């Protein structure tokens, strides 16, 4: 199973990394809409960054956990599709063996004589075992692959990054804001307040200069 699933690692980690990037871009866009100045946005992000990184890391670690379970655990399933897949594999193998004896009948399509169907295909015990193992692994792989993909999407992506209670999107809440210290709040809005005061001072200077100009021109 480890060999068959060797490509899962890069595909899975690449996928979850892409989702993390998308979620992070959404968070930054939301912060940009929330904060009326870049300095405030950056200050707020600095406070949120540790929590965001922690939650991104949890999602990535969960993908690694799922990889460990599927690739290094004991292969097992209660999914009835395993039995269906195994039966289908054996039927396809038998169909392939019987094709060489088929006769193209215009009325009934391809048919096989009973005498040909009864022919044996002698194999050693080892050959039987190899074929059975191959069919079992192939059937199990199909079930495990679908299960793994579903788990990555529902757990790592949806639960840990989008819809769960501890997602990056749920980090900035009223509870989070109420827990900020006075120093943190001042750090977030301090720069914006300084710029507001600076604008007020500039407006006052402009008004004074305008008045002075009027006096000079009109006496």
Foldseek 3Di string as FASTA:
>chain_A
DLVVCVVVVVVLLVVLVVLLVVLVVVVLVVLPVVDPDPQLSVLVCVVLVVLQVVLSVVLSVVLVVLCCCLNVNDQDDPDCQLVVQLVVLVVVVLVVVCPVQWDQDPVPGTDHDPVSSPDDDDDDPVVVVVSSVVSNVVSSVVVSVVVSVVCSCVPSNPQSDNPHCSHSVNCDDPVNVVPDDPVSVCSSCVVVVVVVVVVVVVVVVVVVVVVVVCVVVPD
